[in-house]
Amino acid sequence: MENALVQVYTGDGKGKTTAAVGLAVRALGNQFKVRFLQFFKSEISGEVKPLEKLGADVSIHNHQDKPSWTMNEIEEQQLIADSKEGWQIFVDLIQSKTYDLIVLDEANHVLNRGYIDKEEVLEILEQAKNTEVVFTGRNAPDWLMERADLVTEMKMHKHPFQQKIGSRTGIEK
């Protein structure tokens, strides 16, 4: 892909994954080869099957069945292993130059927690000249935002969680 960029969707507001899914759909509609890697989500979300039906390759790199903030040490070690596995797949994909767009959904959490080495991330992004790369998730590290070509911060003004309304199937998950 010509003029491939690094994009970051971050912030405490809703819509980071949704924006990345929209970009993936647009890319698929233009016959681009798309890979969508999900990190750090506690369940398979509603975007997976439609993306696959549209032709995206999707993989999930979290074998936990509960949110990260309730994990014990053993579960966190599994999450670290899952994250490293997903990251290695990303590295291999960049080096193979197979995809036009790769979305690393919720990877900002992985980077913010230091599960993947900063220098390794910056090095592989230098090799991604022909692949558009999108990172989503809250708390993107400053160094990633500095490296990115586009950063969008979703800012929360109001959220249903504040009214004790949980994630709704088909809307938030």
N, C-alpha and C. Protein backbone atom coordinates (compact mmCIF):
# COMPACT_ATOMS: atom_id res chain seq x y z
N MET A 1 0.84 -1.17 0.00
CA MET A 1 0.00 0.00 0.00
C MET A 1 0.89 1.24 0.00
N GLU A 2 0.56 2.16 -0.83
CA GLU A 2 1.31 3.41 -0.91
C GLU A 2 0.88 4.35 0.22
N ASN A 3 1.82 5.07 0.80
CA ASN A 3 1.55 6.04 1.87
C ASN A 3 0.92 5.42 3.11
N ALA A 4 1.34 4.23 3.49
CA ALA A 4 0.81 3.59 4.69
C ALA A 4 1.21 4.37 5.93
N LEU A 5 0.29 4.49 6.88
CA LEU A 5 0.50 5.26 8.10
C LEU A 5 0.27 4.41 9.34
N VAL A 6 0.67 4.96 10.48
CA VAL A 6 0.37 4.37 11.78
C VAL A 6 -0.69 5.24 12.44
N GLN A 7 -1.81 4.62 12.84
CA GLN A 7 -2.91 5.34 13.47
C GLN A 7 -3.11 4.84 14.90
N VAL A 8 -3.52 5.75 15.76
CA VAL A 8 -3.83 5.40 17.15
C VAL A 8 -5.20 5.98 17.49
N TYR A 9 -6.10 5.12 17.99
CA TYR A 9 -7.39 5.55 18.51
C TYR A 9 -7.36 5.26 20.00
N THR A 10 -7.43 6.30 20.81
CA THR A 10 -7.28 6.14 22.26
C THR A 10 -8.26 7.05 22.99
N GLY A 11 -8.17 7.09 24.29
CA GLY A 11 -9.02 7.95 25.11
C GLY A 11 -10.00 7.15 25.93
N ASP A 12 -10.72 7.86 26.81
CA ASP A 12 -11.65 7.20 27.71
C ASP A 12 -13.07 7.12 27.15
N GLY A 13 -13.27 7.65 25.95
CA GLY A 13 -14.59 7.63 25.33
C GLY A 13 -14.84 6.37 24.53
N LYS A 14 -16.09 6.15 24.22
CA LYS A 14 -16.54 5.00 23.43
C LYS A 14 -16.23 5.24 21.95
N GLY A 15 -15.91 4.19 21.22
CA GLY A 15 -15.81 4.32 19.77
C GLY A 15 -14.47 3.98 19.15
N LYS A 16 -13.50 3.56 19.93
CA LYS A 16 -12.17 3.27 19.39
C LYS A 16 -12.20 2.04 18.48
N THR A 17 -12.73 0.95 18.99
CA THR A 17 -12.84 -0.26 18.17
C THR A 17 -13.80 -0.02 17.02
N THR A 18 -14.89 0.67 17.29
CA THR A 18 -15.87 0.95 16.25
C THR A 18 -15.25 1.71 15.09
N ALA A 19 -14.40 2.69 15.39
CA ALA A 19 -13.71 3.43 14.33
C ALA A 19 -12.79 2.51 13.53
N ALA A 20 -12.08 1.63 14.22
CA ALA A 20 -11.17 0.71 13.54
C ALA A 20 -11.95 -0.28 12.67
N VAL A 21 -13.10 -0.74 13.16
CA VAL A 21 -13.93 -1.64 12.36
C VAL A 21 -14.42 -0.91 11.11
N GLY A 22 -14.85 0.33 11.26
CA GLY A 22 -15.28 1.11 10.10
C GLY A 22 -14.17 1.25 9.07
N LEU A 23 -12.96 1.51 9.53
CA LEU A 23 -11.82 1.60 8.61
C LEU A 23 -11.58 0.26 7.93
N ALA A 24 -11.67 -0.84 8.68
CA ALA A 24 -11.48 -2.17 8.10
C ALA A 24 -12.53 -2.46 7.03
N VAL A 25 -13.78 -2.10 7.30
CA VAL A 25 -14.85 -2.31 6.32
C VAL A 25 -14.56 -1.50 5.05
N ARG A 26 -14.15 -0.27 5.21
CA ARG A 26 -13.81 0.56 4.05
C ARG A 26 -12.67 -0.07 3.25
N ALA A 27 -11.65 -0.55 3.96
CA ALA A 27 -10.51 -1.17 3.28
C ALA A 27 -10.95 -2.43 2.53
N LEU A 28 -11.76 -3.27 3.19
CA LEU A 28 -12.26 -4.48 2.54
C LEU A 28 -13.09 -4.13 1.31
N GLY A 29 -13.87 -3.07 1.39
CA GLY A 29 -14.68 -2.63 0.25
C GLY A 29 -13.84 -2.17 -0.92
N ASN A 30 -12.59 -1.86 -0.66
CA ASN A 30 -11.66 -1.46 -1.72
C ASN A 30 -10.67 -2.58 -2.05
N GLN A 31 -11.06 -3.80 -1.71
CA GLN A 31 -10.29 -5.00 -2.04
C GLN A 31 -8.94 -5.08 -1.34
N PHE A 32 -8.79 -4.40 -0.19
CA PHE A 32 -7.57 -4.50 0.59
C PHE A 32 -7.60 -5.79 1.40
N LYS A 33 -6.44 -6.29 1.68
CA LYS A 33 -6.31 -7.47 2.55
C LYS A 33 -6.17 -6.96 3.99
N VAL A 34 -7.09 -7.40 4.87
CA VAL A 34 -7.20 -6.86 6.23
C VAL A 34 -7.01 -7.97 7.26
N ARG A 35 -6.23 -7.65 8.29
CA ARG A 35 -6.06 -8.53 9.45
C ARG A 35 -6.47 -7.76 10.69
N PHE A 36 -7.26 -8.37 11.54
CA PHE A 36 -7.79 -7.76 12.75
C PHE A 36 -7.39 -8.63 13.92
N LEU A 37 -6.44 -8.17 14.74
CA LEU A 37 -5.97 -8.92 15.90
C LEU A 37 -6.55 -8.27 17.15
N GLN A 38 -7.26 -9.03 17.96
CA GLN A 38 -7.84 -8.50 19.19
C GLN A 38 -7.05 -8.96 20.40
N PHE A 39 -6.70 -7.99 21.23
CA PHE A 39 -6.00 -8.22 22.48
C PHE A 39 -6.91 -7.78 23.62
N PHE A 40 -6.76 -8.37 24.78
CA PHE A 40 -7.25 -7.78 26.02
C PHE A 40 -8.76 -7.72 26.16
N LYS A 41 -9.52 -8.37 25.29
CA LYS A 41 -10.97 -8.37 25.47
C LYS A 41 -11.37 -9.65 26.17
N SER A 42 -12.35 -9.55 27.05
CA SER A 42 -12.71 -10.70 27.86
C SER A 42 -13.72 -11.63 27.19
N GLU A 43 -14.20 -11.28 26.03
CA GLU A 43 -15.13 -12.15 25.31
C GLU A 43 -15.10 -11.79 23.83
N ILE A 44 -15.57 -12.69 23.00
CA ILE A 44 -15.62 -12.41 21.57
C ILE A 44 -16.68 -11.34 21.34
N SER A 45 -16.30 -10.27 20.70
CA SER A 45 -17.23 -9.16 20.50
C SER A 45 -17.94 -9.29 19.15
N GLY A 46 -19.00 -8.53 19.00
CA GLY A 46 -19.90 -8.65 17.86
C GLY A 46 -19.31 -8.32 16.51
N GLU A 47 -18.17 -7.66 16.46
CA GLU A 47 -17.59 -7.30 15.17
C GLU A 47 -16.85 -8.45 14.50
N VAL A 48 -16.53 -9.50 15.24
CA VAL A 48 -15.68 -10.57 14.70
C VAL A 48 -16.33 -11.26 13.51
N LYS A 49 -17.54 -11.79 13.67
CA LYS A 49 -18.18 -12.55 12.59
C LYS A 49 -18.44 -11.71 11.34
N PRO A 50 -18.96 -10.48 11.47
CA PRO A 50 -19.16 -9.69 10.25
C PRO A 50 -17.85 -9.37 9.52
N LEU A 51 -16.79 -9.08 10.29
CA LEU A 51 -15.50 -8.83 9.63
C LEU A 51 -15.03 -10.05 8.87
N GLU A 52 -15.19 -11.22 9.48
CA GLU A 52 -14.80 -12.45 8.79
C GLU A 52 -15.65 -12.67 7.54
N LYS A 53 -16.96 -12.42 7.62
CA LYS A 53 -17.84 -12.58 6.46
C LYS A 53 -17.44 -11.65 5.32
N LEU A 54 -16.94 -10.47 5.68
CA LEU A 54 -16.52 -9.51 4.66
C LEU A 54 -15.13 -9.81 4.10
N GLY A 55 -14.44 -10.78 4.71
CA GLY A 55 -13.15 -11.19 4.16
C GLY A 55 -11.93 -10.87 5.00
N ALA A 56 -12.12 -10.28 6.18
CA ALA A 56 -10.98 -10.00 7.04
C ALA A 56 -10.54 -11.27 7.75
N ASP A 57 -9.26 -11.35 8.02
CA ASP A 57 -8.73 -12.42 8.86
C ASP A 57 -8.70 -11.89 10.28
N VAL A 58 -9.34 -12.60 11.20
CA VAL A 58 -9.47 -12.14 12.59
C VAL A 58 -8.87 -13.18 13.52
N SER A 59 -8.11 -12.71 14.52
CA SER A 59 -7.62 -13.61 15.55
C SER A 59 -7.72 -12.92 16.90
N ILE A 60 -7.96 -13.72 17.94
CA ILE A 60 -8.16 -13.21 19.29
C ILE A 60 -7.02 -13.72 20.17
N HIS A 61 -6.40 -12.78 20.88
CA HIS A 61 -5.22 -13.12 21.68
C HIS A 61 -5.46 -12.81 23.15
N ASN A 62 -6.49 -13.42 23.69
CA ASN A 62 -6.82 -13.34 25.11
C ASN A 62 -7.69 -14.54 25.44
N HIS A 63 -7.18 -15.44 26.24
CA HIS A 63 -7.95 -16.62 26.62
C HIS A 63 -8.66 -16.45 27.95
N GLN A 64 -8.70 -15.23 28.47
CA GLN A 64 -9.38 -14.97 29.74
C GLN A 64 -10.88 -14.84 29.48
N ASP A 65 -11.66 -15.20 30.46
CA ASP A 65 -13.11 -15.06 30.32
C ASP A 65 -13.66 -14.01 31.29
N LYS A 66 -12.76 -13.14 31.78
CA LYS A 66 -13.21 -12.07 32.67
C LYS A 66 -12.35 -10.84 32.44
N PRO A 67 -12.80 -9.69 32.89
CA PRO A 67 -12.06 -8.45 32.66
C PRO A 67 -10.68 -8.46 33.33
N SER A 68 -9.76 -7.72 32.76
CA SER A 68 -8.37 -7.72 33.23
C SER A 68 -8.23 -7.22 34.66
N TRP A 69 -9.12 -6.35 35.09
CA TRP A 69 -8.98 -5.78 36.44
C TRP A 69 -9.35 -6.76 37.54
N THR A 70 -9.89 -7.93 37.19
CA THR A 70 -10.23 -8.93 38.21
C THR A 70 -9.31 -10.15 38.15
N MET A 71 -8.24 -10.09 37.36
CA MET A 71 -7.36 -11.25 37.19
C MET A 71 -6.44 -11.45 38.39
N ASN A 72 -6.12 -12.72 38.63
CA ASN A 72 -5.09 -13.03 39.61
C ASN A 72 -3.74 -13.13 38.86
N GLU A 73 -2.67 -13.43 39.58
CA GLU A 73 -1.33 -13.43 38.97
C GLU A 73 -1.19 -14.48 37.86
N ILE A 74 -1.76 -15.66 38.06
CA ILE A 74 -1.68 -16.71 37.04
C ILE A 74 -2.42 -16.29 35.78
N GLU A 75 -3.59 -15.70 35.96
CA GLU A 75 -4.38 -15.23 34.80
C GLU A 75 -3.65 -14.11 34.07
N GLU A 76 -2.99 -13.23 34.82
CA GLU A 76 -2.24 -12.16 34.16
C GLU A 76 -1.07 -12.73 33.37
N GLN A 77 -0.42 -13.75 33.91
CA GLN A 77 0.68 -14.39 33.16
C GLN A 77 0.16 -14.99 31.85
N GLN A 78 -1.05 -15.55 31.88
CA GLN A 78 -1.64 -16.07 30.64
C GLN A 78 -1.93 -14.93 29.67
N LEU A 79 -2.42 -13.81 30.18
CA LEU A 79 -2.68 -12.66 29.32
C LEU A 79 -1.39 -12.14 28.70
N ILE A 80 -0.32 -12.11 29.46
CA ILE A 80 0.98 -11.68 28.92
C ILE A 80 1.41 -12.64 27.81
N ALA A 81 1.28 -13.93 28.04
CA ALA A 81 1.64 -14.92 27.02
C ALA A 81 0.78 -14.76 25.77
N ASP A 82 -0.53 -14.56 25.96
CA ASP A 82 -1.43 -14.34 24.82
C ASP A 82 -1.02 -13.09 24.05
N SER A 83 -0.68 -12.03 24.78
CA SER A 83 -0.29 -10.77 24.15
C SER A 83 0.98 -10.95 23.33
N LYS A 84 1.94 -11.65 23.88
CA LYS A 84 3.20 -11.88 23.16
C LYS A 84 2.98 -12.74 21.93
N GLU A 85 2.09 -13.72 22.05
CA GLU A 85 1.75 -14.55 20.89
C GLU A 85 1.13 -13.69 19.77
N GLY A 86 0.17 -12.85 20.14
CA GLY A 86 -0.45 -11.96 19.16
C GLY A 86 0.55 -11.00 18.55
N TRP A 87 1.44 -10.47 19.39
CA TRP A 87 2.45 -9.53 18.88
C TRP A 87 3.38 -10.23 17.89
N GLN A 88 3.78 -11.47 18.18
CA GLN A 88 4.67 -12.18 17.26
C GLN A 88 3.98 -12.42 15.92
N ILE A 89 2.69 -12.69 15.95
CA ILE A 89 1.93 -12.84 14.71
C ILE A 89 1.98 -11.53 13.93
N PHE A 90 1.78 -10.41 14.63
CA PHE A 90 1.85 -9.11 13.97
C PHE A 90 3.22 -8.90 13.33
N VAL A 91 4.28 -9.18 14.06
CA VAL A 91 5.64 -9.02 13.53
C VAL A 91 5.80 -9.86 12.26
N ASP A 92 5.37 -11.11 12.32
CA ASP A 92 5.49 -11.99 11.15
C ASP A 92 4.69 -11.44 9.97
N LEU A 93 3.51 -10.90 10.24
CA LEU A 93 2.68 -10.34 9.16
C LEU A 93 3.32 -9.12 8.52
N ILE A 94 3.90 -8.26 9.34
CA ILE A 94 4.59 -7.08 8.80
C ILE A 94 5.75 -7.51 7.93
N GLN A 95 6.51 -8.47 8.39
CA GLN A 95 7.67 -8.93 7.63
C GLN A 95 7.27 -9.65 6.35
N SER A 96 6.11 -10.28 6.34
CA SER A 96 5.63 -10.98 5.14
C SER A 96 5.03 -10.02 4.11
N LYS A 97 4.67 -8.83 4.55
CA LYS A 97 4.05 -7.82 3.67
C LYS A 97 2.79 -8.36 2.98
N THR A 98 2.01 -9.15 3.71
CA THR A 98 0.82 -9.81 3.18
C THR A 98 -0.42 -8.93 3.23
N TYR A 99 -0.50 -8.05 4.25
CA TYR A 99 -1.74 -7.29 4.49
C TYR A 99 -1.55 -5.81 4.18
N ASP A 100 -2.65 -5.20 3.73
CA ASP A 100 -2.66 -3.76 3.49
C ASP A 100 -2.99 -3.00 4.78
N LEU A 101 -3.83 -3.59 5.64
CA LEU A 101 -4.27 -2.98 6.89
C LEU A 101 -4.22 -4.02 7.99
N ILE A 102 -3.59 -3.67 9.11
CA ILE A 102 -3.61 -4.52 10.29
C ILE A 102 -4.09 -3.67 11.45
N VAL A 103 -5.17 -4.13 12.09
CA VAL A 103 -5.71 -3.47 13.27
C VAL A 103 -5.29 -4.29 14.49
N LEU A 104 -4.70 -3.59 15.46
CA LEU A 104 -4.31 -4.20 16.73
C LEU A 104 -5.28 -3.67 17.78
N ASP A 105 -6.44 -4.32 17.86
CA ASP A 105 -7.53 -3.85 18.71
C ASP A 105 -7.19 -4.08 20.18
N GLU A 106 -7.28 -3.04 20.97
CA GLU A 106 -6.99 -3.04 22.41
C GLU A 106 -5.50 -3.27 22.72
N ALA A 107 -4.65 -3.12 21.73
CA ALA A 107 -3.21 -3.32 21.95
C ALA A 107 -2.60 -2.20 22.79
N ASN A 108 -3.24 -1.05 22.86
CA ASN A 108 -2.68 0.03 23.69
C ASN A 108 -2.52 -0.42 25.14
N HIS A 109 -3.44 -1.27 25.62
CA HIS A 109 -3.33 -1.80 26.99
C HIS A 109 -2.07 -2.65 27.13
N VAL A 110 -1.82 -3.47 26.14
CA VAL A 110 -0.65 -4.35 26.14
C VAL A 110 0.63 -3.51 26.19
N LEU A 111 0.66 -2.46 25.39
CA LEU A 111 1.85 -1.60 25.35
C LEU A 111 1.98 -0.78 26.62
N ASN A 112 0.88 -0.26 27.12
CA ASN A 112 0.90 0.56 28.32
C ASN A 112 1.37 -0.24 29.53
N ARG A 113 1.05 -1.50 29.58
CA ARG A 113 1.46 -2.36 30.70
C ARG A 113 2.88 -2.90 30.53
N GLY A 114 3.50 -2.62 29.38
CA GLY A 114 4.87 -3.06 29.16
C GLY A 114 5.00 -4.52 28.79
N TYR A 115 3.93 -5.16 28.32
CA TYR A 115 4.01 -6.57 27.94
C TYR A 115 4.87 -6.75 26.69
N ILE A 116 4.94 -5.72 25.86
CA ILE A 116 5.78 -5.72 24.66
C ILE A 116 6.77 -4.56 24.80
N ASP A 117 8.01 -4.80 24.47
CA ASP A 117 9.07 -3.81 24.61
C ASP A 117 8.89 -2.64 23.64
N LYS A 118 8.99 -1.44 24.16
CA LYS A 118 8.84 -0.21 23.37
C LYS A 118 9.77 -0.21 22.15
N GLU A 119 11.03 -0.53 22.35
CA GLU A 119 12.00 -0.49 21.24
C GLU A 119 11.63 -1.49 20.15
N GLU A 120 11.11 -2.65 20.56
CA GLU A 120 10.68 -3.65 19.59
C GLU A 120 9.50 -3.11 18.76
N VAL A 121 8.58 -2.43 19.41
CA VAL A 121 7.43 -1.86 18.71
C VAL A 121 7.90 -0.82 17.69
N LEU A 122 8.75 0.10 18.13
CA LEU A 122 9.22 1.16 17.24
C LEU A 122 10.02 0.58 16.06
N GLU A 123 10.79 -0.44 16.33
CA GLU A 123 11.58 -1.07 15.27
C GLU A 123 10.69 -1.71 14.21
N ILE A 124 9.68 -2.47 14.64
CA ILE A 124 8.82 -3.14 13.66
C ILE A 124 7.96 -2.14 12.90
N LEU A 125 7.59 -1.04 13.54
CA LEU A 125 6.81 -0.02 12.82
C LEU A 125 7.62 0.62 11.70
N GLU A 126 8.93 0.66 11.85
CA GLU A 126 9.79 1.16 10.77
C GLU A 126 9.76 0.23 9.56
N GLN A 127 9.47 -1.04 9.79
CA GLN A 127 9.39 -2.02 8.70
C GLN A 127 8.00 -2.05 8.06
N ALA A 128 7.05 -1.33 8.63
CA ALA A 128 5.65 -1.41 8.19
C ALA A 128 5.32 -0.36 7.14
N LYS A 129 6.26 -0.05 6.31
CA LYS A 129 6.07 1.03 5.32
C LYS A 129 4.95 0.75 4.32
N ASN A 130 4.62 -0.51 4.08
CA ASN A 130 3.59 -0.84 3.09
C ASN A 130 2.28 -1.32 3.71
N THR A 131 2.17 -1.20 5.03
CA THR A 131 0.98 -1.68 5.73
C THR A 131 0.45 -0.59 6.66
N GLU A 132 -0.82 -0.23 6.52
CA GLU A 132 -1.47 0.68 7.45
C GLU A 132 -1.66 -0.08 8.76
N VAL A 133 -1.24 0.51 9.88
CA VAL A 133 -1.33 -0.14 11.18
C VAL A 133 -2.16 0.74 12.11
N VAL A 134 -3.16 0.13 12.77
CA VAL A 134 -4.04 0.86 13.68
C VAL A 134 -3.97 0.21 15.06
N PHE A 135 -3.69 1.03 16.07
CA PHE A 135 -3.71 0.60 17.47
C PHE A 135 -4.94 1.20 18.12
N THR A 136 -5.70 0.40 18.87
CA THR A 136 -6.84 0.94 19.61
C THR A 136 -6.67 0.63 21.09
N GLY A 137 -7.44 1.33 21.91
CA GLY A 137 -7.47 1.08 23.34
C GLY A 137 -7.15 2.33 24.15
N ARG A 138 -7.64 2.33 25.36
CA ARG A 138 -7.35 3.44 26.28
C ARG A 138 -5.86 3.51 26.58
N ASN A 139 -5.45 4.67 27.04
CA ASN A 139 -4.11 4.86 27.60
C ASN A 139 -2.98 4.48 26.66
N ALA A 140 -3.07 4.91 25.41
CA ALA A 140 -1.94 4.69 24.51
C ALA A 140 -0.71 5.36 25.10
N PRO A 141 0.43 4.68 25.07
CA PRO A 141 1.63 5.31 25.62
C PRO A 141 2.03 6.55 24.82
N ASP A 142 2.60 7.53 25.50
CA ASP A 142 3.01 8.77 24.84
C ASP A 142 3.95 8.50 23.68
N TRP A 143 4.89 7.57 23.84
CA TRP A 143 5.86 7.30 22.79
C TRP A 143 5.18 6.77 21.53
N LEU A 144 4.09 6.00 21.68
CA LEU A 144 3.37 5.50 20.51
C LEU A 144 2.65 6.66 19.81
N MET A 145 2.04 7.54 20.61
CA MET A 145 1.34 8.68 20.00
C MET A 145 2.33 9.61 19.29
N GLU A 146 3.53 9.74 19.82
CA GLU A 146 4.55 10.54 19.14
C GLU A 146 4.94 9.91 17.82
N ARG A 147 5.06 8.60 17.78
CA ARG A 147 5.46 7.89 16.56
C ARG A 147 4.35 7.86 15.52
N ALA A 148 3.11 7.84 15.95
CA ALA A 148 1.97 7.69 15.03
C ALA A 148 1.86 8.88 14.08
N ASP A 149 1.25 8.60 12.94
CA ASP A 149 0.98 9.64 11.95
C ASP A 149 -0.39 10.28 12.18
N LEU A 150 -1.29 9.55 12.83
CA LEU A 150 -2.63 10.03 13.14
C LEU A 150 -3.00 9.54 14.53
N VAL A 151 -3.44 10.44 15.38
CA VAL A 151 -3.91 10.08 16.72
C VAL A 151 -5.28 10.70 16.91
N THR A 152 -6.25 9.87 17.24
CA THR A 152 -7.59 10.35 17.56
C THR A 152 -7.89 9.96 19.00
N GLU A 153 -8.26 10.93 19.80
CA GLU A 153 -8.61 10.67 21.19
C GLU A 153 -10.11 10.79 21.36
N MET A 154 -10.74 9.70 21.76
CA MET A 154 -12.16 9.69 22.06
C MET A 154 -12.31 10.17 23.51
N LYS A 155 -13.03 11.26 23.69
CA LYS A 155 -13.18 11.83 25.02
C LYS A 155 -14.59 11.59 25.53
N MET A 156 -14.68 11.09 26.75
CA MET A 156 -15.98 10.81 27.33
C MET A 156 -16.53 12.07 28.00
N HIS A 157 -17.76 12.39 27.68
CA HIS A 157 -18.47 13.46 28.39
C HIS A 157 -19.56 12.85 29.28
N LYS A 158 -20.24 11.84 28.74
CA LYS A 158 -21.22 11.05 29.48
C LYS A 158 -21.08 9.61 29.00
N HIS A 159 -21.40 8.68 29.86
CA HIS A 159 -21.32 7.27 29.47
C HIS A 159 -22.39 6.49 30.24
N PRO A 160 -23.02 5.51 29.60
CA PRO A 160 -24.04 4.70 30.30
C PRO A 160 -23.53 4.02 31.56
N PHE A 161 -22.22 3.71 31.63
CA PHE A 161 -21.68 3.09 32.85
C PHE A 161 -21.92 3.98 34.06
N GLN A 162 -21.92 5.29 33.86
CA GLN A 162 -22.15 6.22 34.96
C GLN A 162 -23.55 6.08 35.53
N GLN A 163 -24.47 5.55 34.71
CA GLN A 163 -25.84 5.31 35.15
C GLN A 163 -26.07 3.84 35.49
N LYS A 164 -24.96 3.10 35.66
CA LYS A 164 -25.01 1.68 36.01
C LYS A 164 -25.60 0.83 34.89
N ILE A 165 -25.47 1.26 33.65
CA ILE A 165 -25.90 0.49 32.48
C ILE A 165 -24.67 -0.22 31.93
N GLY A 166 -24.68 -1.54 31.94
CA GLY A 166 -23.53 -2.32 31.46
C GLY A 166 -23.47 -2.41 29.95
N SER A 167 -22.45 -3.11 29.47
CA SER A 167 -22.27 -3.31 28.03
C SER A 167 -23.48 -4.04 27.46
N ARG A 168 -23.98 -3.55 26.35
CA ARG A 168 -25.16 -4.12 25.72
C ARG A 168 -24.76 -4.86 24.44
N THR A 169 -25.22 -6.09 24.29
CA THR A 169 -24.96 -6.87 23.10
C THR A 169 -25.46 -6.12 21.88
N GLY A 170 -24.62 -6.06 20.87
CA GLY A 170 -24.99 -5.38 19.62
C GLY A 170 -24.69 -3.90 19.62
N ILE A 171 -24.39 -3.32 20.76
CA ILE A 171 -24.07 -1.89 20.85
C ILE A 171 -22.63 -1.70 21.33
N GLU A 172 -22.33 -2.21 22.52
CA GLU A 172 -20.96 -2.09 23.03
C GLU A 172 -20.15 -3.38 22.87
N LYS A 173 -20.82 -4.48 22.63
CA LYS A 173 -20.09 -5.75 22.47
C LYS A 173 -20.70 -6.60 21.40
